[in-house]
Protein backbone atom coordinates (compact mmCIF):
# COMPACT_ATOMS: atom_id res chain seq x y z
CA UNK A 1 0.00 0.00 0.00
CA UNK A 2 1.05 3.56 -0.62
CA UNK A 3 2.83 5.17 2.29
CA UNK A 4 2.70 8.86 1.31
CA UNK A 5 4.92 11.49 2.91
CA UNK A 6 6.90 10.96 6.08
CA UNK A 7 5.85 12.92 9.18
CA UNK A 8 7.11 16.48 8.95
CA UNK A 9 7.60 16.40 5.17
CA UNK A 10 5.63 19.00 3.25
CA UNK A 11 4.65 18.66 -0.42
CA UNK A 12 5.70 21.51 -2.66
CA UNK A 13 2.72 23.58 -3.79
CA UNK A 14 2.63 26.76 -5.82
CA UNK A 15 1.66 29.68 -3.60
CA UNK A 16 -0.32 31.45 -6.32
CA UNK A 17 -2.93 28.71 -6.36
CA UNK A 18 -3.02 27.92 -2.65
CA UNK A 19 -6.18 29.87 -1.91
CA UNK A 20 -8.47 29.10 -4.81
CA UNK A 21 -10.60 26.22 -6.05
CA UNK A 22 -12.09 26.39 -9.51
CA UNK A 23 -11.52 30.14 -9.56
CA UNK A 24 -13.30 30.64 -6.20
CA UNK A 25 -11.27 32.03 -3.34
CA UNK A 26 -11.50 29.78 -0.31
CA UNK A 27 -11.17 31.69 2.92
CA UNK A 28 -13.16 29.26 5.06
CA UNK A 29 -13.70 25.54 4.51
CA UNK A 30 -15.83 23.08 6.50
CA UNK A 31 -15.23 19.34 6.74
CA UNK A 32 -18.18 17.14 7.69
CA UNK A 33 -17.22 13.72 9.05
CA UNK A 34 -19.19 12.94 12.17
CA UNK A 35 -18.00 9.47 13.16
CA UNK A 36 -16.70 6.87 13.89
CA UNK A 37 -13.12 6.53 15.09
CA UNK A 38 -11.67 4.61 12.16
CA UNK A 39 -13.66 6.63 9.62
CA UNK A 40 -12.48 9.93 11.08
CA UNK A 41 -8.88 8.68 10.95
CA UNK A 42 -9.39 7.62 7.32
CA UNK A 43 -10.44 11.21 6.60
CA UNK A 44 -7.39 12.86 8.19
CA UNK A 45 -4.97 12.48 5.24
CA UNK A 46 -7.41 14.19 2.88
CA UNK A 47 -7.80 17.11 5.26
CA UNK A 48 -4.05 17.20 5.87
CA UNK A 49 -3.60 17.67 2.11
CA UNK A 50 -6.18 20.47 2.09
CA UNK A 51 -4.35 22.10 4.98
CA UNK A 52 -1.07 21.98 3.03
CA UNK A 53 -2.80 23.44 -0.02
CA UNK A 54 -4.61 26.09 2.02
CA UNK A 55 -2.17 27.10 4.77
CA UNK A 56 -4.00 30.34 5.57
CA UNK A 57 -7.58 29.15 5.13
CA UNK A 58 -9.79 28.76 8.19
CA UNK A 59 -10.69 25.05 8.29
CA UNK A 60 -13.50 23.84 10.52
CA UNK A 61 -14.65 20.27 11.17
CA UNK A 62 -18.12 19.10 12.22
CA UNK A 63 -17.76 15.97 14.35
CA UNK A 64 -19.52 13.93 17.01
CA UNK A 65 -18.46 14.79 20.55
CA UNK A 66 -17.20 11.27 21.27
CA UNK A 67 -14.50 11.55 18.57
CA UNK A 68 -13.51 15.19 18.92
CA UNK A 69 -10.24 14.33 20.69
CA UNK A 70 -8.96 12.94 17.39
CA UNK A 71 -8.84 16.59 16.29
CA UNK A 72 -8.50 18.57 19.49
CA UNK A 73 -7.07 17.50 22.85
CA UNK A 74 -9.44 17.89 25.79
CA UNK A 75 -7.09 20.50 27.28
CA UNK A 76 -7.24 22.69 24.15
CA UNK A 77 -9.96 25.18 23.18
CA UNK A 78 -12.00 24.12 20.14
CA UNK A 79 -11.02 27.20 18.14
CA UNK A 80 -8.08 29.55 17.85
CA UNK A 81 -4.46 29.38 16.70
CA UNK A 82 -3.38 25.87 15.75
CA UNK A 83 -0.99 24.08 18.08
CA UNK A 84 0.27 20.60 18.91
CA UNK A 85 -3.00 20.07 20.79
CA UNK A 86 -5.05 21.01 17.70
CA UNK A 87 -2.64 20.73 14.79
CA UNK A 88 -4.92 20.35 11.79
CA UNK A 89 -8.04 22.49 12.03
CA UNK A 90 -8.79 26.00 13.22
CA UNK A 91 -12.15 25.15 14.70
CA UNK A 92 -13.98 22.04 15.88
CA UNK A 93 -17.79 22.14 15.76
CA UNK A 94 -19.14 19.44 18.08
CA UNK A 95 -22.50 17.69 17.74
CA UNK A 96 -24.11 15.09 20.00
CA UNK A 97 -26.83 13.81 17.71
CA UNK A 98 -27.64 10.70 19.73
CA UNK A 99 -28.00 12.59 23.01
CA UNK A 100 -29.90 15.41 21.35
CA UNK A 101 -32.31 12.89 19.88
CA UNK A 102 -33.18 11.61 23.36
CA UNK A 103 -34.38 15.06 24.43
CA UNK A 104 -35.00 16.76 21.14
CA UNK A 105 -37.44 19.35 22.47
CA UNK A 106 -35.84 20.19 25.79
CA UNK A 107 -34.73 23.78 26.30
CA UNK A 108 -31.15 22.62 26.97
CA UNK A 109 -30.95 20.69 23.70
CA UNK A 110 -32.53 23.46 21.67
CA UNK A 111 -30.08 25.96 23.13
CA UNK A 112 -27.09 23.77 22.28
CA UNK A 113 -28.32 23.19 18.73
CA UNK A 114 -29.01 26.88 18.24
CA UNK A 115 -25.55 27.85 19.49
CA UNK A 116 -23.87 25.31 17.20
CA UNK A 117 -25.68 26.48 14.10
CA UNK A 118 -25.16 30.12 14.95
CA UNK A 119 -21.43 29.41 15.20
CA UNK A 120 -21.36 27.55 11.90
CA UNK A 121 -23.46 30.06 9.97
CA UNK A 122 -21.47 32.96 11.40
CA UNK A 123 -18.29 31.28 10.16
CA UNK A 124 -19.55 31.90 6.59
CA UNK A 125 -17.88 28.86 5.06
CA UNK A 126 -17.17 29.14 1.33
CA UNK A 127 -16.95 25.36 0.82
CA UNK A 128 -18.20 22.34 2.74
CA UNK A 129 -16.86 18.85 2.01
CA UNK A 130 -18.96 15.90 3.16
CA UNK A 131 -16.64 12.93 3.62
CA UNK A 132 -19.22 10.74 5.34
CA UNK A 133 -21.71 10.24 2.54
CA UNK A 134 -24.70 9.80 4.83
CA UNK A 135 -27.99 11.63 4.46
CA UNK A 136 -27.60 13.38 7.81
CA UNK A 137 -24.03 14.54 7.07
CA UNK A 138 -25.06 15.83 3.63
CA UNK A 139 -27.98 17.76 5.12
CA UNK A 140 -25.71 19.24 7.80
CA UNK A 141 -23.21 20.28 5.11
CA UNK A 142 -25.98 22.07 3.20
CA UNK A 143 -27.33 23.71 6.36
CA UNK A 144 -23.89 25.20 6.98
CA UNK A 145 -24.76 27.81 4.37
CA UNK A 146 -21.65 27.15 2.27
CA UNK A 147 -22.35 27.94 -1.42
CA UNK A 148 -20.35 24.92 -2.64
CA UNK A 149 -20.97 21.46 -1.18
CA UNK A 150 -18.66 18.63 -2.30
CA UNK A 151 -19.48 14.95 -1.88
CA UNK A 152 -19.23 11.58 -3.54
CA UNK A 153 -21.33 11.04 -6.67
CA UNK A 154 -22.24 7.61 -5.27
CA UNK A 155 -22.31 8.14 -1.49
CA UNK A 156 -22.86 5.46 1.12
CA UNK A 157 -26.50 6.58 1.37
CA UNK A 158 -27.77 7.45 -2.10
CA UNK A 159 -30.14 10.30 -1.10
CA UNK A 160 -27.16 12.22 0.29
CA UNK A 161 -26.08 13.22 -3.22
CA UNK A 162 -29.21 15.36 -3.62
CA UNK A 163 -27.70 17.88 -1.23
CA UNK A 164 -24.36 18.29 -3.03
CA UNK A 165 -23.62 21.06 -5.52
CA UNK A 166 -20.37 19.33 -6.63
CA UNK A 167 -20.57 15.56 -7.10
CA UNK A 168 -17.23 13.78 -7.31
CA UNK A 169 -16.51 10.28 -8.58
CA UNK A 170 -14.52 8.76 -5.72
CA UNK A 171 -11.46 6.90 -6.97
CA UNK A 172 -9.08 4.43 -5.38
CA UNK A 173 -9.60 1.12 -3.68
CA UNK A 174 -8.73 2.04 -0.11
CA UNK A 175 -11.17 4.35 1.68
CA UNK A 176 -8.31 6.79 2.42
CA UNK A 177 -7.71 7.09 -1.33
CA UNK A 178 -11.42 7.56 -1.96
CA UNK A 179 -11.68 10.35 0.62
CA UNK A 180 -8.55 11.92 -0.81
CA UNK A 181 -9.96 11.91 -4.34
CA UNK A 182 -12.96 13.93 -3.15
CA UNK A 183 -10.73 16.47 -1.41
CA UNK A 184 -8.51 16.65 -4.46
CA UNK A 185 -11.50 17.59 -6.60
CA UNK A 186 -11.77 20.85 -4.68
CA UNK A 187 -8.61 21.90 -6.55
CA UNK A 188 -8.78 19.70 -9.65
CA UNK A 189 -5.05 19.14 -9.48
CA UNK A 190 -2.49 16.61 -8.33
CA UNK A 191 -1.91 16.38 -4.57
CA UNK A 192 0.10 13.88 -2.55
CA UNK A 193 -1.39 11.82 0.27
CA UNK A 194 0.42 13.06 3.39
CA UNK A 195 0.84 11.60 6.85
CA UNK A 196 -1.85 12.98 9.18
CA UNK A 197 -1.10 14.99 12.30
CA UNK A 198 -2.85 13.95 15.50
CA UNK A 199 -3.15 15.99 18.68
CA UNK A 200 -0.46 15.72 21.33
CA UNK A 201 -1.91 16.38 24.77
CA UNK A 202 0.79 16.96 27.47
CA UNK A 203 -1.47 15.77 30.29
CA UNK A 204 -2.29 12.53 28.50
CA UNK A 205 1.35 11.97 27.56
CA UNK A 206 2.37 12.35 31.21
CA UNK A 207 -0.52 10.16 32.36
CA UNK A 208 0.49 7.29 30.06
CA UNK A 209 4.14 7.52 31.10
CA UNK A 210 3.07 7.35 34.74
CA UNK A 211 0.69 4.42 34.23
CA UNK A 212 3.23 2.40 32.25
CA UNK A 213 5.83 3.02 34.95
CA UNK A 214 3.40 1.90 37.66
CA UNK A 215 2.72 -1.27 35.66
CA UNK A 216 6.44 -1.90 35.24
CA UNK A 217 6.08 -1.88 31.46
CA UNK A 218 9.04 -1.01 29.24
CA UNK A 219 8.82 -2.11 25.62
CA UNK A 220 5.33 -3.32 24.80
CA UNK A 221 2.84 -4.43 22.17
CA UNK A 222 -0.78 -3.28 22.08
CA UNK A 223 -3.38 -6.03 21.81
CA UNK A 224 -6.86 -4.86 20.80
CA UNK A 225 -9.41 -7.69 21.08
CA UNK A 226 -12.50 -5.51 20.62
CA UNK A 227 -14.28 -4.76 17.37
CA UNK A 228 -17.46 -3.10 16.18
CA UNK A 229 -19.34 -6.39 16.00
CA UNK A 230 -18.79 -10.04 16.86
CA UNK A 231 -17.95 -11.28 13.36
CA UNK A 232 -14.74 -9.19 13.45
CA UNK A 233 -13.56 -10.39 16.87
CA UNK A 234 -10.71 -12.88 17.04
CA UNK A 235 -10.98 -15.01 20.21
CA UNK A 236 -9.65 -13.53 23.46
CA UNK A 237 -7.94 -16.83 24.30
CA UNK A 238 -5.73 -16.50 21.23
CA UNK A 239 -4.72 -12.94 22.08
CA UNK A 240 -3.57 -14.31 25.43
CA UNK A 241 -1.55 -17.01 23.68
CA UNK A 242 0.12 -14.37 21.51
CA UNK A 243 0.99 -12.35 24.62
CA UNK A 244 2.71 -15.41 26.14
CA UNK A 245 4.75 -15.96 22.97
CA UNK A 246 5.80 -12.31 22.78
CA UNK A 247 6.86 -12.34 26.42
CA UNK A 248 9.65 -14.76 25.45
CA UNK A 249 11.06 -11.84 23.49
CA UNK A 250 10.95 -9.57 26.52
CA UNK A 251 7.86 -7.71 25.40
CA UNK A 252 4.87 -7.05 27.61
CA UNK A 253 1.40 -6.74 26.12
CA UNK A 254 -1.01 -3.95 26.95
CA UNK A 255 -4.65 -4.84 26.26
CA UNK A 256 -6.59 -1.82 25.04
CA UNK A 257 -10.32 -1.90 25.65
CA UNK A 258 -13.24 0.47 25.43
CA UNK A 259 -16.62 0.83 27.14
CA UNK A 260 -18.44 -2.50 27.43
CA UNK A 261 -15.30 -4.54 26.67
CA UNK A 262 -14.17 -5.11 30.25
CA UNK A 263 -14.91 -8.86 30.23
CA UNK A 264 -13.15 -9.27 26.89
CA UNK A 265 -10.01 -7.58 28.22
CA UNK A 266 -10.16 -9.64 31.40
CA UNK A 267 -10.35 -12.85 29.35
CA UNK A 268 -7.20 -11.85 27.44
CA UNK A 269 -5.41 -11.10 30.72
CA UNK A 270 -6.38 -14.47 32.14
CA UNK A 271 -5.29 -16.36 29.02
CA UNK A 272 -1.97 -14.51 28.97
CA UNK A 273 -0.96 -15.95 32.37
CA UNK A 274 0.37 -12.62 33.58
CA UNK A 275 2.09 -11.45 30.38
CA UNK A 276 -0.64 -8.96 29.40
CA UNK A 277 -2.31 -6.21 31.37
CA UNK A 278 -5.50 -4.36 30.47
CA UNK A 279 -5.63 -0.58 30.19
CA UNK A 280 -8.61 1.62 29.45
CA UNK A 281 -7.80 5.02 27.91
CA UNK A 282 -9.39 8.21 26.78
CA UNK A 283 -8.78 8.93 23.10
CA UNK A 284 -5.98 11.38 23.96
CA UNK A 285 -4.38 8.74 26.19
CA UNK A 286 -4.76 6.08 23.50
CA UNK A 287 -2.93 8.33 21.05
CA UNK A 288 -0.13 8.73 23.60
CA UNK A 289 -0.06 4.99 24.38
CA UNK A 290 0.03 4.03 20.71
CA UNK A 291 2.93 6.39 20.01
CA UNK A 292 5.00 4.41 22.54
CA UNK A 293 4.16 0.92 21.25
CA UNK A 294 6.52 -1.33 19.27
CA UNK A 295 3.63 -3.06 17.53
CA UNK A 296 -0.16 -3.18 17.32
CA UNK A 297 -2.17 -6.40 16.94
CA UNK A 298 -5.91 -6.35 16.33
CA UNK A 299 -8.82 -6.51 13.94
CA UNK A 300 -10.48 -3.92 11.72
CA UNK A 301 -11.13 -1.29 14.39
CA UNK A 302 -10.49 2.38 15.06
CA UNK A 303 -7.43 1.72 17.26
CA UNK A 304 -5.81 -0.27 14.42
CA UNK A 305 -6.26 2.65 12.04
CA UNK A 306 -4.91 5.00 14.71
CA UNK A 307 -1.77 2.86 14.95
CA UNK A 308 -1.36 2.93 11.17
CA UNK A 309 -1.80 6.72 11.11
CA UNK A 310 0.95 7.00 13.73
CA UNK A 311 3.16 4.71 11.61
CA UNK A 312 3.25 1.93 14.22
CA UNK A 313 3.71 -1.54 12.65
CA UNK A 314 0.43 -3.45 12.54
CA UNK A 315 -0.62 -7.09 12.46
CA UNK A 316 -4.19 -6.96 11.14
CA UNK A 317 -6.47 -9.93 11.82
CA UNK A 318 -9.28 -9.67 9.29
CA UNK A 319 -12.47 -11.62 8.74
CA UNK A 320 -15.58 -10.25 7.02
CA UNK A 321 -14.18 -6.82 6.04
CA UNK A 322 -11.97 -6.27 3.01
CA UNK A 323 -8.40 -5.20 3.93
CA UNK A 324 -7.90 -3.79 0.43
CA UNK A 325 -10.48 -1.14 1.35
CA UNK A 326 -10.14 -0.98 5.14
CA UNK A 327 -6.70 -2.38 5.89
CA UNK A 328 -3.82 -0.64 7.69
CA UNK A 329 -2.58 2.12 5.39
CA UNK A 330 0.80 3.79 5.19
CA UNK A 331 2.70 1.73 7.73
CA UNK A 332 4.60 -1.55 7.83
CA UNK A 333 1.94 -4.19 8.22
CA UNK A 334 1.00 -7.81 7.76
CA UNK A 335 -2.68 -8.58 7.24
CA UNK A 336 -3.91 -12.09 7.95
CA UNK A 337 -7.16 -13.18 6.36
CA UNK A 338 -8.48 -16.62 5.51
CA UNK A 339 -9.59 -17.42 1.97
CA UNK A 340 -12.81 -18.66 3.57
CA UNK A 341 -13.79 -15.16 4.74
CA UNK A 342 -16.44 -13.49 2.63
CA UNK A 343 -16.67 -9.71 2.59
CA UNK A 344 -19.76 -8.62 4.46
CA UNK A 345 -20.76 -5.73 6.71
CA UNK A 346 -23.64 -7.65 8.27
CA UNK A 347 -23.32 -7.08 12.01
CA UNK A 348 -23.40 -10.70 13.10
CA UNK A 349 -22.60 -11.55 16.71
CA UNK A 350 -20.83 -14.83 15.98
CA UNK A 351 -17.15 -14.69 14.90
CA UNK A 352 -16.52 -15.07 11.19
CA UNK A 353 -15.67 -18.70 10.39
CA UNK A 354 -12.68 -17.69 8.30
CA UNK A 355 -11.40 -15.53 11.15
CA UNK A 356 -11.35 -18.59 13.40
CA UNK A 357 -9.01 -20.31 10.92
CA UNK A 358 -6.23 -17.86 11.88
CA UNK A 359 -4.11 -19.44 14.60
CA UNK A 360 -2.18 -17.70 17.35
CA UNK A 361 1.00 -19.16 15.83
CA UNK A 362 0.35 -17.30 12.56
CA UNK A 363 -0.24 -14.04 14.40
CA UNK A 364 2.85 -14.51 16.57
CA UNK A 365 4.96 -15.29 13.51
CA UNK A 366 3.69 -12.16 11.74
CA UNK A 367 4.47 -10.11 14.85
CA UNK A 368 8.01 -11.47 14.99
CA UNK A 369 8.58 -10.58 11.33
CA UNK A 370 7.50 -6.99 11.89
CA UNK A 371 9.55 -6.67 15.07
CA UNK A 372 12.56 -7.89 13.11
CA UNK A 373 12.10 -5.06 10.60
CA UNK A 374 10.03 -6.49 7.79
CA UNK A 375 8.09 -6.27 5.58
CA UNK A 376 8.66 -2.85 4.09
């Protein structure tokens, strides 16, 4: 897979075209990508390229509250001069659609919605780019008041395209490439896929250093047994077996888990016989933890795509989802997938049969290869 630019590298762009798109001056640009973790991360390279092309343009992002720390550390204000805590965008517009839906007509909810839309409309965005392709995201992009609305010609939800003024044929096999092709259409010119910048929160960095020290963890691998639905989950017992094998190399395993995954993490700990330890993190802490890891092992989940974005080597354990579209992108990786797995996004609770064909020995072997420096 294409790696793109190394962190810190900047593509060379001509300054005389850095502020226009199709003859229209772009002073303010809005990105709409509400959720979820992996999808937001898959959007970052496209927005990073827009940032490089528009260094002085005010870029805002409309995002669900749960994922806002992927753009802006909790300790940073949501708008103002960019910094390490908010390196990519000038302003983060936060929505809580699920919570608002529970109390849609309460005074509190109506006040929050009104404030959000006042902020967005007052920003007077020239262009909005919907990189979600859902009906709700397309409607929100149109409601922003931006005269030009870009989106995929064949979005994930077909009715979304009704709300776009600029329909783009998304190209590329990987979703990062597809998102990038839509962003590129804003300029109708060649752009390189860069490495994304993620927030660096000093408090979270210090917290992770302290927690790892308290756990007595030096070099470590992240194990991520959770996934969006059961068909993508490799058995916890096997993660524990991998942790035992890696411990022979002097590596501890840290088991990352999210809300509702406590029992899953505990099962990995038990199977590891003391070689793995569970750790629950905020998103800012997970970014800090991942930066310190030697390797990431897990299925098609947001934390895997975070590791890839941070250029941490990845062993991907794939079942019903297609790694050509959703695999680790831009980092050294080995993806394991059985020929018996059939691509499907049906949210089945039972593990994919092909996924169960992947043994802990295969995963451990792939991990050893990456730790030894390959493949490149």
